[in-house]
N, C-alpha and C. Protein backbone atom coordinates (compact mmCIF):
# COMPACT_ATOMS: atom_id res chain seq x y z
N MET A 1 55.10 204.73 -90.53
CA MET A 1 53.91 204.08 -89.84
C MET A 1 53.58 204.76 -88.59
N SER A 2 52.39 205.09 -88.67
CA SER A 2 51.85 205.84 -87.41
C SER A 2 51.63 204.88 -86.14
N VAL A 3 51.66 205.34 -84.99
CA VAL A 3 51.30 204.67 -83.74
C VAL A 3 50.21 205.30 -83.02
N TRP A 4 49.34 204.45 -82.82
CA TRP A 4 48.00 205.02 -82.08
C TRP A 4 47.52 204.07 -81.05
N GLY A 5 48.34 203.95 -79.96
CA GLY A 5 48.09 203.15 -78.84
C GLY A 5 47.03 204.13 -77.89
N THR A 6 46.37 203.44 -76.89
CA THR A 6 45.50 204.33 -76.15
C THR A 6 46.04 204.95 -74.99
N GLY A 7 47.27 204.86 -74.73
CA GLY A 7 47.61 205.59 -73.66
C GLY A 7 48.30 206.89 -73.86
N ALA A 8 48.71 207.50 -72.96
CA ALA A 8 49.14 208.92 -73.06
C ALA A 8 50.41 209.23 -74.03
N PHE A 9 51.37 208.45 -73.90
CA PHE A 9 52.46 208.55 -74.75
C PHE A 9 52.67 207.54 -75.80
N GLU A 10 51.40 206.83 -76.15
CA GLU A 10 51.37 205.75 -77.19
C GLU A 10 50.92 206.32 -78.59
N ASN A 11 51.17 207.39 -79.15
CA ASN A 11 50.91 207.85 -80.35
C ASN A 11 51.97 208.95 -80.68
N ASP A 12 51.88 209.06 -82.29
CA ASP A 12 53.08 209.99 -82.58
C ASP A 12 53.10 211.30 -82.24
N GLU A 13 52.02 212.04 -82.20
CA GLU A 13 51.84 213.39 -81.61
C GLU A 13 52.49 213.59 -80.35
N ALA A 14 52.16 212.32 -79.41
CA ALA A 14 52.75 212.56 -78.00
C ALA A 14 54.19 212.16 -77.86
N ALA A 15 54.59 211.24 -78.77
CA ALA A 15 56.16 211.05 -78.93
C ALA A 15 56.90 212.26 -79.34
N ALA A 16 56.36 212.90 -80.39
CA ALA A 16 57.08 214.22 -80.87
C ALA A 16 57.01 215.15 -79.52
N TRP A 17 55.80 215.27 -78.88
CA TRP A 17 55.72 216.31 -77.72
C TRP A 17 56.91 215.79 -76.60
N CYS A 18 56.86 214.65 -76.38
CA CYS A 18 57.98 213.99 -75.34
C CYS A 18 59.33 214.61 -75.75
N ASP A 19 59.64 214.49 -76.80
CA ASP A 19 61.09 214.87 -77.45
C ASP A 19 61.29 216.34 -77.26
N GLU A 20 60.18 217.07 -77.64
CA GLU A 20 60.31 218.63 -77.49
C GLU A 20 60.47 218.94 -75.94
N LEU A 21 59.68 218.26 -75.14
CA LEU A 21 59.65 218.71 -73.83
C LEU A 21 61.24 218.52 -73.16
N ASP A 22 61.61 217.26 -73.52
CA ASP A 22 62.98 216.93 -73.05
C ASP A 22 64.02 217.95 -73.43
N ASP A 23 63.93 218.41 -74.73
CA ASP A 23 64.92 219.36 -75.05
C ASP A 23 64.38 220.96 -74.69
N HIS A 24 63.40 221.08 -74.11
CA HIS A 24 62.92 222.51 -73.78
C HIS A 24 63.69 223.07 -72.40
N ALA A 25 63.93 224.13 -72.34
CA ALA A 25 64.96 224.86 -71.36
C ALA A 25 63.77 224.93 -70.14
N ASP A 26 62.52 225.16 -70.28
CA ASP A 26 61.61 225.22 -69.22
C ASP A 26 60.49 224.41 -69.44
N PRO A 27 60.70 222.94 -69.10
CA PRO A 27 59.59 221.98 -69.57
C PRO A 27 58.24 222.28 -69.01
N GLY A 28 58.21 222.79 -67.58
CA GLY A 28 56.95 223.00 -66.99
C GLY A 28 56.18 224.07 -67.75
N ASP A 29 56.86 225.09 -68.25
CA ASP A 29 56.17 226.22 -69.06
C ASP A 29 55.72 225.64 -70.49
N PHE A 30 56.60 224.68 -71.06
CA PHE A 30 56.06 224.14 -72.31
C PHE A 30 55.03 223.25 -72.23
N ALA A 31 54.77 222.49 -71.24
CA ALA A 31 53.66 221.61 -70.76
C ALA A 31 52.33 222.63 -70.71
N VAL A 32 52.58 223.46 -69.68
CA VAL A 32 51.22 224.24 -69.46
C VAL A 32 50.85 225.04 -70.71
N ARG A 33 51.93 225.58 -71.42
CA ARG A 33 51.50 226.36 -72.90
C ARG A 33 50.75 225.34 -73.80
N THR A 34 51.08 224.08 -73.73
CA THR A 34 50.41 223.12 -74.45
C THR A 34 49.06 222.90 -74.20
N LEU A 35 48.68 222.95 -72.88
CA LEU A 35 47.40 222.91 -72.49
C LEU A 35 46.53 224.11 -72.92
N ARG A 36 47.21 225.44 -72.61
CA ARG A 36 46.57 226.49 -72.75
C ARG A 36 46.27 226.90 -74.28
N THR A 37 47.17 226.51 -75.13
CA THR A 37 47.01 226.76 -76.56
C THR A 37 46.02 226.02 -77.33
N GLY A 38 45.45 225.06 -76.78
CA GLY A 38 44.69 223.98 -77.56
C GLY A 38 45.38 223.46 -78.74
N ASP A 39 46.55 222.86 -78.24
CA ASP A 39 47.41 221.93 -79.14
C ASP A 39 46.85 220.74 -79.69
N THR A 40 47.07 219.87 -80.47
CA THR A 40 46.54 218.85 -80.94
C THR A 40 46.20 217.91 -79.66
N PRO A 41 45.24 217.14 -79.72
CA PRO A 41 44.67 216.28 -78.82
C PRO A 41 45.77 215.33 -78.10
N GLY A 42 46.60 214.71 -79.00
CA GLY A 42 47.66 213.72 -78.50
C GLY A 42 48.59 214.40 -77.66
N ARG A 43 49.06 215.53 -77.98
CA ARG A 43 49.85 216.55 -77.34
C ARG A 43 49.19 217.05 -75.99
N VAL A 44 47.83 217.43 -75.98
CA VAL A 44 47.26 217.87 -74.87
C VAL A 44 47.15 216.74 -73.78
N VAL A 45 46.76 215.42 -74.28
CA VAL A 45 46.65 214.36 -73.23
C VAL A 45 48.22 214.18 -72.66
N ALA A 46 49.18 214.07 -73.63
CA ALA A 46 50.60 213.90 -73.02
C ALA A 46 50.93 215.01 -71.96
N ALA A 47 50.77 216.09 -72.34
CA ALA A 47 51.06 217.25 -71.40
C ALA A 47 50.25 217.00 -70.10
N ALA A 48 48.86 216.81 -70.25
CA ALA A 48 48.18 216.86 -69.00
C ALA A 48 48.77 215.48 -68.04
N SER A 49 48.98 214.52 -68.92
CA SER A 49 49.32 213.20 -68.00
C SER A 49 50.75 213.34 -67.44
N TRP A 50 51.61 214.07 -68.23
CA TRP A 50 52.98 214.28 -67.53
C TRP A 50 52.89 215.16 -66.39
N LEU A 51 52.07 216.30 -66.31
CA LEU A 51 51.96 217.29 -65.28
C LEU A 51 51.18 216.51 -64.32
N ALA A 52 50.21 215.69 -64.59
CA ALA A 52 49.41 215.28 -63.35
C ALA A 52 50.53 214.12 -62.79
N ALA A 53 51.47 213.67 -63.32
CA ALA A 53 52.53 212.74 -62.57
C ALA A 53 53.23 213.47 -61.59
N GLY A 54 53.13 214.76 -61.69
CA GLY A 54 53.94 215.58 -60.67
C GLY A 54 53.26 215.81 -59.45
N VAL A 55 51.93 215.42 -59.38
CA VAL A 55 50.97 215.54 -58.17
C VAL A 55 51.50 214.42 -57.12
N PRO A 56 51.79 214.88 -55.89
CA PRO A 56 52.11 213.78 -54.89
C PRO A 56 51.26 212.69 -54.92
N GLY A 57 51.75 211.44 -54.97
CA GLY A 57 50.80 210.34 -54.77
C GLY A 57 50.49 209.84 -56.24
N VAL A 58 50.77 210.34 -57.21
CA VAL A 58 50.35 209.90 -58.64
C VAL A 58 51.59 209.24 -59.21
N ALA A 59 51.46 208.07 -59.72
CA ALA A 59 52.52 207.35 -60.35
C ALA A 59 53.11 208.16 -61.60
N GLU A 60 54.34 208.18 -61.79
CA GLU A 60 54.93 208.60 -63.06
C GLU A 60 54.85 207.68 -64.02
N PRO A 61 54.61 208.10 -65.27
CA PRO A 61 54.36 207.19 -66.34
C PRO A 61 55.78 206.56 -66.65
N VAL A 62 55.72 205.25 -67.10
CA VAL A 62 57.20 204.63 -67.44
C VAL A 62 57.48 204.81 -68.84
N ASP A 63 56.42 205.22 -69.61
CA ASP A 63 56.74 205.43 -71.10
C ASP A 63 56.72 206.83 -71.62
N GLY A 64 56.75 207.77 -70.52
CA GLY A 64 56.78 209.33 -70.95
C GLY A 64 58.18 209.89 -71.10
N PRO A 65 58.12 211.15 -71.26
CA PRO A 65 59.42 211.79 -71.16
C PRO A 65 60.32 211.46 -70.12
N SER A 66 61.75 211.67 -70.48
CA SER A 66 62.46 211.49 -69.55
C SER A 66 62.76 212.56 -68.46
N THR A 67 62.20 213.80 -68.76
CA THR A 67 62.18 214.77 -67.86
C THR A 67 61.38 214.54 -66.69
N PRO A 68 61.71 214.81 -65.41
CA PRO A 68 60.76 214.35 -64.41
C PRO A 68 59.82 215.51 -64.39
N PRO A 69 58.45 215.05 -63.88
CA PRO A 69 57.43 216.13 -64.05
C PRO A 69 57.50 217.24 -62.96
N ILE A 70 57.07 218.40 -63.01
CA ILE A 70 57.01 219.45 -61.95
C ILE A 70 55.87 219.15 -61.14
N THR A 71 55.98 219.85 -60.08
CA THR A 71 54.57 219.85 -59.11
C THR A 71 53.55 221.02 -59.76
N PRO A 72 52.40 220.74 -60.28
CA PRO A 72 51.53 221.64 -60.61
C PRO A 72 50.70 222.17 -59.61
N ASP A 73 50.25 223.45 -59.97
CA ASP A 73 49.42 224.17 -59.03
C ASP A 73 47.98 224.07 -59.56
N ALA A 74 47.05 224.76 -58.86
CA ALA A 74 45.61 224.62 -59.14
C ALA A 74 45.23 225.20 -60.48
N GLU A 75 45.94 226.34 -60.77
CA GLU A 75 45.66 226.86 -62.08
C GLU A 75 45.93 225.96 -63.40
N THR A 76 47.09 225.16 -63.13
CA THR A 76 47.39 224.14 -63.90
C THR A 76 46.38 222.91 -64.08
N ALA A 77 45.75 222.83 -62.93
CA ALA A 77 44.78 221.60 -62.90
C ALA A 77 43.60 222.13 -63.58
N ASP A 78 43.09 223.35 -63.37
CA ASP A 78 42.13 224.10 -64.28
C ASP A 78 42.40 223.87 -65.69
N ALA A 79 43.42 224.31 -66.06
CA ALA A 79 43.76 224.20 -67.51
C ALA A 79 43.80 222.75 -68.03
N ALA A 80 44.30 221.97 -67.19
CA ALA A 80 44.33 220.42 -67.70
C ALA A 80 43.06 220.12 -67.83
N VAL A 81 42.00 220.26 -66.89
CA VAL A 81 40.53 219.78 -66.84
C VAL A 81 39.90 220.36 -68.12
N GLU A 82 40.16 221.68 -68.51
CA GLU A 82 39.52 222.27 -69.67
C GLU A 82 40.01 221.71 -70.91
N ALA A 83 41.25 221.56 -70.96
CA ALA A 83 41.91 221.05 -72.22
C ALA A 83 41.55 219.66 -72.60
N LEU A 84 41.46 218.87 -71.61
CA LEU A 84 41.12 217.43 -71.63
C LEU A 84 39.51 217.36 -71.99
N GLY A 85 38.87 218.37 -71.41
CA GLY A 85 37.31 218.25 -71.80
C GLY A 85 37.16 218.46 -73.24
N ALA A 86 38.00 219.54 -73.76
CA ALA A 86 37.84 219.60 -75.28
C ALA A 86 38.29 218.46 -75.98
N VAL A 87 39.33 217.74 -75.58
CA VAL A 87 39.75 216.49 -76.11
C VAL A 87 38.61 215.48 -76.33
N LEU A 88 37.74 215.40 -75.19
CA LEU A 88 36.76 214.36 -75.23
C LEU A 88 35.59 214.65 -76.18
N THR A 89 35.62 215.94 -76.75
CA THR A 89 34.68 216.28 -77.79
C THR A 89 35.18 216.21 -79.07
N ASP A 90 36.48 215.67 -79.14
CA ASP A 90 37.13 215.76 -80.57
C ASP A 90 36.76 214.53 -81.29
N GLU A 91 35.71 214.27 -82.09
CA GLU A 91 35.48 213.02 -82.56
C GLU A 91 36.30 212.54 -83.62
N PRO A 92 37.00 213.47 -84.44
CA PRO A 92 38.02 213.04 -85.34
C PRO A 92 39.03 212.48 -84.93
N TRP A 93 39.59 212.93 -83.63
CA TRP A 93 40.73 212.43 -83.16
C TRP A 93 40.32 210.90 -82.61
N PHE A 94 39.26 210.75 -82.01
CA PHE A 94 38.85 209.52 -81.33
C PHE A 94 38.67 208.44 -82.59
N GLY A 95 38.24 209.08 -83.83
CA GLY A 95 37.98 208.22 -85.02
C GLY A 95 39.28 207.58 -85.54
N GLN A 96 40.43 207.97 -85.15
CA GLN A 96 41.58 207.50 -85.53
C GLN A 96 41.88 205.95 -85.15
N TRP A 97 41.04 205.62 -84.20
CA TRP A 97 40.91 204.19 -83.81
C TRP A 97 39.89 203.41 -84.30
N ALA A 98 40.17 202.51 -85.40
CA ALA A 98 39.29 201.87 -86.16
C ALA A 98 38.39 200.84 -85.04
N ASP A 99 38.98 200.23 -84.18
CA ASP A 99 38.53 199.25 -83.42
C ASP A 99 37.71 200.19 -82.12
N PRO A 100 36.41 199.89 -82.12
CA PRO A 100 35.55 200.56 -80.94
C PRO A 100 35.98 200.18 -79.70
N ALA A 101 36.76 198.90 -79.35
CA ALA A 101 37.15 198.78 -78.06
C ALA A 101 38.38 199.83 -77.82
N GLU A 102 39.33 199.88 -78.73
CA GLU A 102 40.58 201.01 -78.39
C GLU A 102 39.97 202.27 -78.43
N ARG A 103 38.89 202.76 -79.32
CA ARG A 103 38.27 204.05 -78.96
C ARG A 103 37.99 204.32 -77.73
N ALA A 104 37.18 203.27 -76.99
CA ALA A 104 36.56 203.38 -75.73
C ALA A 104 37.68 203.63 -74.73
N ALA A 105 38.79 202.60 -74.99
CA ALA A 105 40.05 202.64 -73.95
C ALA A 105 40.54 204.04 -73.94
N ALA A 106 40.62 204.71 -75.10
CA ALA A 106 41.39 205.91 -75.33
C ALA A 106 40.55 207.05 -74.58
N ARG A 107 39.11 207.02 -74.74
CA ARG A 107 38.29 207.73 -74.05
C ARG A 107 38.38 207.62 -72.37
N ALA A 108 38.42 206.28 -72.18
CA ALA A 108 38.56 205.97 -70.71
C ALA A 108 39.83 206.72 -70.14
N TYR A 109 40.85 206.50 -70.83
CA TYR A 109 42.09 206.99 -70.29
C TYR A 109 42.02 208.46 -70.23
N VAL A 110 41.48 209.17 -71.09
CA VAL A 110 41.38 210.61 -71.06
C VAL A 110 40.45 211.03 -69.72
N ARG A 111 39.49 210.16 -69.60
CA ARG A 111 38.66 210.56 -68.44
C ARG A 111 39.26 210.29 -67.17
N SER A 112 40.12 209.07 -67.13
CA SER A 112 40.84 208.74 -65.90
C SER A 112 41.72 210.05 -65.50
N VAL A 113 42.49 210.55 -66.45
CA VAL A 113 43.37 211.76 -66.23
C VAL A 113 42.57 212.87 -65.77
N ILE A 114 41.32 213.26 -66.18
CA ILE A 114 40.64 214.20 -65.76
C ILE A 114 40.11 213.87 -64.21
N GLU A 115 39.91 212.73 -63.98
CA GLU A 115 39.56 212.26 -62.59
C GLU A 115 40.77 212.51 -61.61
N THR A 116 41.86 212.24 -62.15
CA THR A 116 43.09 212.43 -61.28
C THR A 116 43.22 214.03 -61.06
N TRP A 117 43.02 214.70 -62.05
CA TRP A 117 43.27 216.14 -61.56
C TRP A 117 42.05 216.67 -60.74
N GLU A 118 40.89 216.10 -61.09
CA GLU A 118 39.63 216.71 -60.15
C GLU A 118 39.88 216.32 -58.71
N THR A 119 40.39 215.10 -58.51
CA THR A 119 40.45 214.48 -57.11
C THR A 119 41.72 214.80 -56.40
N THR A 120 42.86 215.17 -57.07
CA THR A 120 44.13 215.36 -56.34
C THR A 120 44.34 216.94 -56.13
N ILE A 121 43.93 217.77 -57.24
CA ILE A 121 44.24 219.26 -56.81
C ILE A 121 42.96 219.86 -56.94
N GLY A 122 42.16 219.79 -58.22
CA GLY A 122 41.08 220.75 -58.67
C GLY A 122 39.73 220.60 -57.93
């Protein structure tokens, strides 16, 4: 059964990404590569959210990877904003939510992560 919640780590793509991150020798590099390679939207949102949690003052998600986030730099912020912008244009991905309210909540979550990046680092 597929899981498609509206939060960063509430879908199957993100759950798999979290497992891979927790097993990776260099989690920061893994997360940044996820952003830069144009991975699947669920994985990009998970990576951007995990990395954003490393910004001082941003709360770490309770349902994400067990690996603590790294402190990102300005280049990572730029990559996150760019990758999340591409997610916002991915209509098939948002189409996975049949309920329009959940689709809107998923979009709002992605926009909130972009805003976090733009106001805290970028």
